[in-house]
N, C-alpha and C. Protein backbone atom coordinates (compact mmCIF):
# COMPACT_ATOMS: atom_id res chain seq x y z
N UNK A 1 0.79 -1.13 -0.37
CA UNK A 1 -0.22 0.12 0.18
C UNK A 1 0.78 1.28 -0.03
N UNK A 2 1.82 1.14 0.70
CA UNK A 2 2.86 2.38 1.09
C UNK A 2 3.59 2.79 -0.55
N UNK A 3 3.81 1.59 -1.31
CA UNK A 3 4.57 1.62 -2.78
C UNK A 3 3.38 2.25 -3.42
N UNK A 4 2.47 1.75 -3.56
CA UNK A 4 1.27 2.32 -4.28
C UNK A 4 1.28 4.01 -3.79
N UNK A 5 1.10 4.49 -2.64
CA UNK A 5 0.58 5.71 -2.35
C UNK A 5 2.02 6.86 -3.03
N UNK A 6 3.08 5.81 -2.99
CA UNK A 6 4.30 6.92 -2.92
C UNK A 6 4.76 7.45 -4.49
N UNK A 7 4.14 5.86 -5.45
CA UNK A 7 4.28 6.00 -6.97
C UNK A 7 3.21 7.19 -7.21
N UNK A 8 2.04 7.03 -6.58
CA UNK A 8 1.19 7.86 -6.99
C UNK A 8 1.52 9.09 -6.94
N UNK A 9 2.43 9.83 -6.02
CA UNK A 9 2.50 10.67 -4.87
C UNK A 9 3.24 11.69 -6.33
N UNK A 10 4.12 10.54 -6.74
CA UNK A 10 5.49 11.12 -7.52
C UNK A 10 4.77 11.08 -9.00
N UNK A 11 4.09 10.52 -8.97
CA UNK A 11 3.43 10.70 -10.59
C UNK A 11 2.65 12.16 -10.61
N UNK A 12 1.93 12.29 -9.59
CA UNK A 12 1.24 13.51 -9.65
C UNK A 12 2.40 14.85 -9.44
N UNK A 13 3.45 14.47 -8.87
CA UNK A 13 4.25 15.67 -8.67
C UNK A 13 4.96 16.05 -10.09
N UNK A 14 5.28 14.73 -10.82
CA UNK A 14 5.72 14.94 -12.11
C UNK A 14 5.24 15.32 -12.99
N UNK A 15 3.57 15.18 -13.30
CA UNK A 15 2.68 15.67 -14.10
C UNK A 15 2.95 17.23 -13.58
N UNK A 16 2.58 17.94 -12.30
CA UNK A 16 2.32 19.06 -12.10
C UNK A 16 4.04 20.04 -12.79
N UNK A 17 5.28 18.84 -12.74
CA UNK A 17 6.57 19.89 -12.99
C UNK A 17 6.57 20.20 -14.42
N UNK A 18 6.19 18.75 -14.89
CA UNK A 18 5.75 19.11 -17.03
C UNK A 18 4.94 20.44 -17.05
N UNK A 19 3.75 19.96 -16.23
CA UNK A 19 2.41 21.23 -16.86
C UNK A 19 3.49 22.38 -16.39
N UNK A 20 4.06 22.71 -15.56
CA UNK A 20 4.51 24.10 -15.52
C UNK A 20 5.60 24.06 -16.32
N UNK A 21 6.78 23.54 -16.59
CA UNK A 21 7.73 23.47 -17.78
C UNK A 21 7.11 23.85 -19.07
N UNK A 22 5.92 23.15 -19.04
CA UNK A 22 5.38 23.45 -20.39
C UNK A 22 4.53 24.78 -20.35
N UNK A 23 3.97 25.28 -19.33
CA UNK A 23 3.41 26.78 -19.55
C UNK A 23 4.58 27.63 -19.50
N UNK A 24 5.86 27.45 -19.35
CA UNK A 24 7.05 28.47 -19.46
C UNK A 24 7.64 28.71 -20.91
N UNK A 25 7.35 27.59 -21.72
CA UNK A 25 7.60 27.57 -23.22
C UNK A 25 6.63 28.44 -24.29
N UNK A 26 7.07 28.92 -24.94
CA UNK A 26 6.18 29.85 -26.05
C UNK A 26 5.79 28.86 -26.48
N UNK A 27 4.45 28.81 -27.36
CA UNK A 27 4.10 27.96 -28.30
C UNK A 27 3.48 28.34 -29.58
N UNK A 28 4.09 27.52 -30.69
CA UNK A 28 3.86 28.61 -32.11
C UNK A 28 3.27 27.62 -32.49
N UNK A 29 2.91 26.54 -32.36
CA UNK A 29 1.92 25.62 -33.01
C UNK A 29 0.54 25.86 -32.87
N UNK A 30 -0.15 24.75 -33.41
CA UNK A 30 -1.74 24.99 -33.25
C UNK A 30 -1.88 24.39 -31.80
N UNK A 31 -2.98 24.63 -31.64
CA UNK A 31 -3.61 24.09 -30.13
C UNK A 31 -3.69 23.11 -30.05
N UNK A 32 -3.23 21.80 -31.01
CA UNK A 32 -3.70 20.56 -30.02
C UNK A 32 -2.99 20.04 -29.53
N UNK A 33 -3.27 18.69 -29.24
CA UNK A 33 -2.47 18.28 -27.73
C UNK A 33 -1.10 17.71 -28.53
N UNK A 34 0.02 18.15 -27.78
CA UNK A 34 0.79 17.55 -27.59
C UNK A 34 1.78 16.57 -26.66
N UNK A 35 2.34 15.63 -27.34
CA UNK A 35 2.73 14.13 -26.72
C UNK A 35 3.97 14.96 -25.47
N UNK A 36 3.98 14.08 -24.66
CA UNK A 36 5.15 14.62 -23.38
C UNK A 36 6.70 14.55 -23.85
N UNK A 37 7.08 13.74 -24.87
CA UNK A 37 8.32 13.75 -25.42
C UNK A 37 8.37 15.17 -26.43
N UNK A 38 7.36 15.18 -27.03
CA UNK A 38 7.53 16.61 -28.11
C UNK A 38 7.61 17.86 -27.33
N UNK A 39 6.70 17.61 -25.63
CA UNK A 39 6.85 19.14 -24.96
C UNK A 39 8.63 18.98 -24.56
N UNK A 40 8.64 17.98 -23.91
CA UNK A 40 10.68 17.98 -23.66
C UNK A 40 11.27 18.57 -24.80
N UNK A 41 11.01 17.94 -25.96
CA UNK A 41 11.83 18.50 -27.28
C UNK A 41 11.80 20.07 -27.40
N UNK A 42 10.74 20.29 -27.21
CA UNK A 42 10.10 21.85 -27.35
C UNK A 42 10.80 22.26 -26.21
N UNK A 43 10.74 22.11 -25.39
CA UNK A 43 11.52 22.91 -23.88
C UNK A 43 12.83 22.66 -23.92
N UNK A 44 13.52 21.61 -24.58
CA UNK A 44 14.70 21.81 -24.57
C UNK A 44 15.27 22.52 -25.79
N UNK A 45 14.39 22.60 -26.86
CA UNK A 45 15.15 23.44 -28.06
C UNK A 45 14.93 24.88 -27.92
N UNK A 46 13.62 25.51 -27.21
CA UNK A 46 13.72 26.52 -26.33
C UNK A 46 14.77 27.38 -25.59
N UNK A 47 15.43 26.31 -24.69
CA UNK A 47 16.21 26.63 -23.67
C UNK A 47 17.40 26.77 -24.52
N UNK A 48 17.96 25.98 -25.22
CA UNK A 48 18.80 26.18 -26.50
C UNK A 48 19.13 27.29 -27.08
N UNK A 49 17.91 27.68 -27.76
CA UNK A 49 17.97 28.97 -28.34
C UNK A 49 17.95 30.10 -27.17
N UNK A 50 17.63 30.45 -25.90
CA UNK A 50 18.13 31.06 -25.07
C UNK A 50 19.55 31.46 -24.71
N UNK A 51 19.83 30.18 -24.72
CA UNK A 51 21.35 30.26 -24.48
C UNK A 51 22.53 31.06 -25.45
N UNK A 52 21.69 30.49 -27.03
CA UNK A 52 22.47 31.08 -27.91
C UNK A 52 22.33 32.71 -28.08
N UNK A 53 20.78 33.05 -27.80
CA UNK A 53 20.79 34.49 -27.54
C UNK A 53 21.71 35.01 -26.86
N UNK A 54 21.58 34.45 -25.63
CA UNK A 54 22.36 35.11 -24.12
C UNK A 54 23.69 35.40 -24.63
N UNK A 55 24.51 34.48 -25.33
CA UNK A 55 25.98 34.23 -25.92
C UNK A 55 25.89 35.67 -26.95
N UNK A 56 25.06 35.70 -28.06
CA UNK A 56 24.93 36.68 -28.65
C UNK A 56 24.80 38.32 -28.02
N UNK A 57 24.38 38.23 -27.05
CA UNK A 57 23.92 39.34 -26.52
C UNK A 57 25.32 39.55 -25.81
N UNK A 58 25.73 38.70 -24.66
CA UNK A 58 26.96 39.45 -24.41
C UNK A 58 28.37 39.76 -25.53
N UNK A 59 28.19 39.08 -26.62
CA UNK A 59 29.23 39.28 -27.61
C UNK A 59 28.91 41.04 -27.61
N UNK A 60 27.54 40.82 -27.87
CA UNK A 60 27.61 42.58 -28.30
C UNK A 60 27.58 43.51 -27.41
N UNK A 61 27.40 43.20 -25.87
CA UNK A 61 28.11 44.00 -24.67
C UNK A 61 29.39 44.12 -24.84
N UNK A 62 30.20 42.95 -25.12
CA UNK A 62 31.79 43.46 -25.19
C UNK A 62 32.37 44.42 -26.23
N UNK A 63 31.48 43.84 -27.55
CA UNK A 63 31.96 44.67 -28.27
C UNK A 63 31.87 46.46 -28.22
N UNK A 64 30.65 46.53 -27.58
CA UNK A 64 29.95 48.08 -27.69
C UNK A 64 30.95 48.59 -26.04
N UNK A 65 31.35 47.80 -25.48
CA UNK A 65 32.32 48.39 -24.51
C UNK A 65 33.43 48.52 -25.08
N UNK A 66 34.26 47.72 -25.95
CA UNK A 66 35.49 47.85 -26.48
C UNK A 66 35.64 49.37 -27.28
N UNK A 67 34.16 49.60 -27.61
CA UNK A 67 33.99 50.91 -28.57
C UNK A 67 34.31 51.78 -27.56
N UNK A 68 33.29 51.91 -26.63
CA UNK A 68 33.73 53.00 -25.51
C UNK A 68 34.99 52.95 -24.99
N UNK A 69 35.62 51.93 -24.82
CA UNK A 69 37.32 52.15 -24.14
C UNK A 69 37.98 52.84 -25.43
N UNK A 70 37.66 52.55 -26.62
CA UNK A 70 38.16 53.16 -27.61
C UNK A 70 38.17 54.57 -27.90
N UNK A 71 36.86 54.84 -27.62
CA UNK A 71 36.57 56.05 -27.67
C UNK A 71 37.05 56.96 -26.91
N UNK A 72 37.19 56.43 -25.49
CA UNK A 72 37.63 57.19 -24.37
C UNK A 72 39.02 57.35 -24.76
N UNK A 73 39.66 56.37 -25.00
CA UNK A 73 41.23 56.44 -25.64
C UNK A 73 41.09 57.57 -26.34
N UNK A 74 40.80 57.58 -27.78
CA UNK A 74 40.89 58.51 -28.51
C UNK A 74 40.30 59.93 -27.93
N UNK A 75 39.39 60.33 -27.18
CA UNK A 75 39.21 61.15 -26.39
C UNK A 75 40.39 61.99 -26.01
N UNK A 76 40.98 61.05 -25.21
CA UNK A 76 41.88 61.53 -24.19
C UNK A 76 43.24 62.18 -25.32
N UNK A 77 43.28 61.75 -26.51
CA UNK A 77 44.28 62.29 -27.09
C UNK A 77 43.77 63.64 -28.17
N UNK A 78 42.18 64.04 -27.81
CA UNK A 78 41.99 65.08 -28.40
C UNK A 78 41.06 64.98 -29.82
N UNK A 79 41.03 63.67 -30.47
CA UNK A 79 40.46 63.33 -31.58
C UNK A 79 38.75 63.67 -31.29
N UNK A 80 37.94 64.51 -32.23
CA UNK A 80 36.53 64.61 -31.97
C UNK A 80 36.07 63.80 -33.08
N UNK A 81 36.64 62.97 -33.89
CA UNK A 81 36.17 62.28 -35.11
C UNK A 81 35.41 61.22 -34.77
N UNK A 82 34.11 61.34 -35.79
CA UNK A 82 33.20 60.03 -35.81
C UNK A 82 33.52 58.73 -35.92
N UNK A 83 33.33 57.57 -35.01
CA UNK A 83 33.76 56.19 -35.08
C UNK A 83 32.44 55.74 -35.10
N UNK A 84 32.31 54.45 -35.60
CA UNK A 84 31.61 53.40 -35.87
C UNK A 84 31.76 52.26 -36.13
N UNK A 85 31.33 51.26 -34.93
CA UNK A 85 31.61 49.84 -34.91
C UNK A 85 30.17 49.17 -35.18
N UNK A 86 30.75 47.98 -35.98
CA UNK A 86 29.57 47.02 -36.55
C UNK A 86 29.48 45.61 -36.38
N UNK A 87 28.28 45.40 -35.62
CA UNK A 87 28.42 44.10 -35.37
C UNK A 87 27.60 43.04 -36.06
N UNK A 88 27.72 41.82 -36.62
CA UNK A 88 26.83 41.13 -37.11
C UNK A 88 26.29 39.86 -36.12
N UNK A 89 25.18 39.86 -35.76
CA UNK A 89 25.14 38.64 -34.72
C UNK A 89 23.55 37.94 -35.15
N UNK A 90 24.12 36.95 -35.77
CA UNK A 90 23.24 35.97 -36.34
C UNK A 90 22.16 36.94 -37.64
N UNK A 91 20.69 37.07 -37.09
CA UNK A 91 19.92 37.93 -38.11
C UNK A 91 19.87 39.42 -37.37
N UNK A 92 20.66 39.74 -36.87
CA UNK A 92 20.62 41.09 -36.37
C UNK A 92 21.79 42.03 -36.41
N UNK A 93 22.15 43.51 -36.75
CA UNK A 93 22.68 44.26 -36.44
C UNK A 93 23.09 45.04 -35.49
N UNK A 94 24.33 45.08 -34.62
CA UNK A 94 24.11 46.22 -34.06
C UNK A 94 25.09 47.34 -34.06
N UNK A 95 25.00 48.41 -34.14
CA UNK A 95 25.61 49.67 -34.47
C UNK A 95 25.94 50.43 -33.55
N UNK A 96 27.18 50.91 -33.18
CA UNK A 96 27.68 51.83 -32.20
C UNK A 96 28.41 52.87 -32.77
N UNK A 97 27.53 53.98 -32.63
CA UNK A 97 28.14 55.12 -33.36
C UNK A 97 28.53 56.04 -31.95
N UNK A 98 29.97 56.92 -32.20
CA UNK A 98 30.39 57.74 -31.36
C UNK A 98 30.70 58.90 -31.78
N UNK A 99 29.92 60.22 -31.74
CA UNK A 99 30.24 61.30 -32.66
C UNK A 99 30.16 62.50 -31.37
N UNK A 100 30.54 63.68 -31.95
CA UNK A 100 30.24 65.23 -31.46
C UNK A 100 29.26 65.23 -30.94
N UNK A 101 28.83 66.41 -30.33
CA UNK A 101 27.74 66.37 -29.35
C UNK A 101 26.75 67.45 -30.49
N UNK A 102 27.38 68.21 -31.41
CA UNK A 102 26.38 68.67 -32.13
C UNK A 102 26.69 68.16 -34.00
N UNK A 103 26.48 66.81 -34.06
CA UNK A 103 26.71 65.60 -35.15
C UNK A 103 25.90 65.02 -35.09
N UNK A 104 24.69 65.56 -34.97
CA UNK A 104 23.15 64.91 -35.03
C UNK A 104 23.16 64.45 -36.74
N UNK A 105 23.48 65.16 -37.25
CA UNK A 105 23.46 64.57 -38.62
C UNK A 105 23.58 63.05 -39.17
N UNK A 106 25.00 62.93 -38.47
CA UNK A 106 25.55 61.50 -38.38
C UNK A 106 24.62 60.78 -38.54
N UNK A 107 24.04 61.00 -36.96
CA UNK A 107 22.91 59.68 -36.77
C UNK A 107 21.90 59.96 -37.56
N UNK A 108 21.54 60.86 -38.04
CA UNK A 108 20.00 60.94 -39.04
C UNK A 108 20.40 60.44 -40.57
N UNK A 109 21.61 60.32 -40.59
CA UNK A 109 22.13 59.88 -41.87
C UNK A 109 22.24 58.63 -41.91
N UNK A 110 22.98 58.01 -40.78
CA UNK A 110 23.01 56.44 -40.61
C UNK A 110 21.74 56.19 -40.64
N UNK A 111 20.77 56.80 -39.88
CA UNK A 111 19.16 55.80 -40.15
C UNK A 111 18.69 56.04 -41.13
N UNK A 112 18.91 57.31 -42.35
CA UNK A 112 18.06 57.10 -43.75
C UNK A 112 19.40 55.98 -44.51
N UNK A 113 20.18 55.65 -44.22
CA UNK A 113 20.99 54.61 -45.28
C UNK A 113 20.38 53.16 -44.66
N UNK A 114 19.99 53.31 -43.36
CA UNK A 114 19.56 51.93 -42.95
C UNK A 114 17.95 51.84 -43.56
N UNK A 115 17.34 52.82 -43.19
CA UNK A 115 15.77 52.78 -44.07
C UNK A 115 15.90 52.32 -45.40
N UNK A 116 17.08 52.82 -46.05
CA UNK A 116 17.30 52.78 -47.52
C UNK A 116 17.37 51.21 -48.10
N UNK A 117 17.92 50.50 -47.11
CA UNK A 117 18.52 48.83 -46.88
C UNK A 117 17.26 48.45 -46.55
N UNK A 118 16.15 48.78 -46.48
CA UNK A 118 15.01 48.24 -46.04
C UNK A 118 14.77 47.20 -44.92
N UNK A 119 15.54 47.63 -43.75
CA UNK A 119 15.85 46.66 -42.31
C UNK A 119 15.00 47.32 -41.39
N UNK A 120 14.59 46.69 -40.90
CA UNK A 120 13.87 47.08 -39.44
C UNK A 120 14.77 47.67 -38.27
N UNK A 121 14.72 48.81 -37.67
CA UNK A 121 15.12 49.50 -36.62
C UNK A 121 14.61 48.51 -35.43
N UNK A 122 15.11 47.95 -34.57
CA UNK A 122 14.39 47.56 -33.73
C UNK A 122 14.69 48.54 -32.22
N UNK A 123 15.45 48.79 -32.13
CA UNK A 123 15.84 49.92 -31.15
C UNK A 123 16.80 50.98 -31.69
N UNK A 124 16.67 51.97 -30.89
CA UNK A 124 17.85 52.96 -31.38
C UNK A 124 17.89 53.87 -30.04
N UNK A 125 19.37 54.38 -29.27
CA UNK A 125 19.25 55.39 -28.50
C UNK A 125 21.01 56.00 -28.44
N UNK A 126 20.73 56.38 -27.20
CA UNK A 126 21.87 57.29 -27.37
C UNK A 126 22.25 58.01 -25.61
N UNK A 127 23.39 58.29 -25.51
CA UNK A 127 24.17 58.48 -24.21
C UNK A 127 24.89 59.52 -24.78
N UNK A 128 24.85 60.74 -23.56
CA UNK A 128 25.69 61.67 -23.47
C UNK A 128 26.70 61.58 -22.67
N UNK A 129 27.96 61.34 -23.18
CA UNK A 129 28.97 60.93 -22.57
C UNK A 129 29.90 62.10 -21.42
N UNK A 130 30.15 63.02 -22.33
CA UNK A 130 30.76 64.50 -21.78
C UNK A 130 30.09 65.55 -22.82
N UNK A 131 30.79 66.72 -22.79
CA UNK A 131 30.47 67.81 -23.45
C UNK A 131 30.60 68.05 -24.53
N UNK A 132 31.13 66.84 -25.30
CA UNK A 132 31.52 66.84 -26.76
C UNK A 132 31.41 65.58 -27.26
N UNK A 133 31.13 64.81 -26.86
CA UNK A 133 30.51 63.19 -27.09
C UNK A 133 29.29 62.83 -26.78
N UNK A 134 28.80 62.03 -27.98
CA UNK A 134 27.53 61.34 -28.04
C UNK A 134 27.78 59.75 -28.12
N UNK A 135 27.39 58.93 -27.76
CA UNK A 135 27.16 57.68 -27.99
C UNK A 135 26.06 56.82 -28.41
N UNK A 136 25.71 56.78 -29.58
CA UNK A 136 24.57 55.83 -30.19
C UNK A 136 24.71 54.54 -30.36
N UNK A 137 23.64 53.91 -29.76
CA UNK A 137 23.45 52.53 -30.22
C UNK A 137 21.94 52.23 -31.34
N UNK A 138 21.91 51.44 -32.24
CA UNK A 138 20.74 51.07 -33.31
C UNK A 138 20.94 49.56 -33.00
N UNK A 139 19.92 48.98 -33.03
CA UNK A 139 19.82 47.69 -33.37
C UNK A 139 18.77 46.97 -34.37
N UNK A 140 19.38 46.51 -35.32
CA UNK A 140 18.77 46.01 -36.53
C UNK A 140 18.12 44.71 -36.52
N UNK A 141 17.08 44.54 -37.43
CA UNK A 141 16.86 43.03 -37.73
C UNK A 141 17.01 42.93 -39.48
N UNK A 142 17.61 42.00 -39.92
CA UNK A 142 18.10 42.00 -40.96
C UNK A 142 17.34 40.84 -42.10
N UNK A 143 17.04 41.13 -42.97
CA UNK A 143 16.47 39.99 -43.67
C UNK A 143 17.60 38.79 -44.42
N UNK A 144 17.99 39.37 -45.26
CA UNK A 144 18.97 38.73 -45.96
C UNK A 144 20.37 38.80 -45.22
N UNK A 145 21.26 37.79 -45.81
CA UNK A 145 22.77 37.89 -45.12
C UNK A 145 23.35 38.83 -46.29
N UNK A 146 23.11 39.06 -46.85
CA UNK A 146 24.10 40.14 -47.99
C UNK A 146 23.54 41.28 -47.14
N UNK A 147 22.56 41.58 -46.71
CA UNK A 147 22.32 43.27 -46.30
C UNK A 147 23.40 43.41 -45.18
N UNK A 148 23.80 42.85 -44.46
CA UNK A 148 24.75 42.90 -43.44
C UNK A 148 26.26 43.67 -44.11
N UNK A 149 26.57 43.15 -44.91
CA UNK A 149 27.92 43.26 -45.58
C UNK A 149 27.37 44.97 -46.17
N UNK A 150 26.59 44.90 -47.25
CA UNK A 150 26.12 45.81 -47.74
C UNK A 150 26.09 46.99 -46.61
N UNK A 151 25.51 47.11 -45.74
CA UNK A 151 25.07 48.44 -44.56
C UNK A 151 26.53 48.26 -44.10
N UNK A 152 26.93 47.59 -43.68
CA UNK A 152 28.19 47.99 -43.12
C UNK A 152 29.34 48.89 -43.96
N UNK A 153 29.58 48.35 -45.07
CA UNK A 153 30.25 48.84 -46.39
C UNK A 153 29.67 50.56 -46.35
N UNK A 154 28.45 50.57 -46.67
CA UNK A 154 27.89 51.94 -46.65
C UNK A 154 28.03 53.11 -45.36
N UNK A 155 28.00 52.33 -44.39
CA UNK A 155 27.79 53.48 -43.02
C UNK A 155 29.50 53.58 -42.66
N UNK A 156 30.68 52.41 -42.57
CA UNK A 156 31.99 52.61 -42.97
C UNK A 156 32.18 53.99 -43.91
N UNK A 157 31.66 53.68 -45.25
CA UNK A 157 32.04 54.78 -45.69
C UNK A 157 31.20 56.19 -45.61
N UNK A 158 30.14 56.41 -45.03
CA UNK A 158 29.73 57.79 -45.05
C UNK A 158 30.74 58.05 -43.86
N UNK A 159 30.85 57.20 -42.73
CA UNK A 159 31.55 57.66 -41.54
C UNK A 159 32.98 58.38 -41.93
N UNK A 160 33.74 57.79 -42.77
CA UNK A 160 35.29 58.01 -43.02
C UNK A 160 34.88 59.16 -44.03
N UNK A 161 33.71 59.52 -44.73
CA UNK A 161 33.50 60.34 -45.59
C UNK A 161 33.49 61.76 -44.81
N UNK A 162 32.43 61.45 -43.79
CA UNK A 162 32.50 62.79 -42.96
C UNK A 162 33.68 63.27 -41.89
N UNK A 163 34.50 62.09 -41.62
CA UNK A 163 35.93 62.47 -41.03
C UNK A 163 37.01 62.84 -41.98
N UNK A 164 36.70 62.58 -43.21
CA UNK A 164 37.42 63.60 -44.18
C UNK A 164 37.55 64.72 -44.24
N UNK A 165 36.20 65.12 -44.27
CA UNK A 165 35.94 66.57 -44.74
C UNK A 165 36.11 67.20 -43.84
N UNK A 166 35.79 66.57 -42.33
CA UNK A 166 36.13 67.80 -41.07
C UNK A 166 37.27 67.87 -40.82
N UNK A 167 38.21 67.40 -41.34
CA UNK A 167 39.95 67.49 -41.69
C UNK A 167 40.25 68.42 -41.92
N UNK A 168 39.79 68.40 -43.90
CA UNK A 168 40.16 69.58 -44.55
C UNK A 168 39.67 70.80 -44.50
């Protein structure tokens, strides 16, 4: 009798745990019942995708930190040139743009170029670092893989041209 009772409680507890796990996973399929092994596979795949996304975000964070450090270093030498760093992370693109305080047109032109390439701007923000430095970040979702290279090339050329015209 005790074994039966213990086994029954174990099954009830496992069913509750499976139900809780299943409720945490977003469902994209139809509303029909999914077998337990399929639910576990779906949960496993979801967790793996979250881990991959976390790794991409860590890479993006490290890249942005590096840009800020380089910007701080170049600022200490008196350089006010615009700087851009572009990172492709899966189907997204992260742009870090460091400009002077009175160089809003560089940000506006960057957004215009991005819109010309027909990619989605997910997020764009800025931080005023000091009296003459603004740090912009722009996050994009790209549809086709070749768009990332094309956008990177256009933006780097634009920033280089702006920098060259400011020097002469």
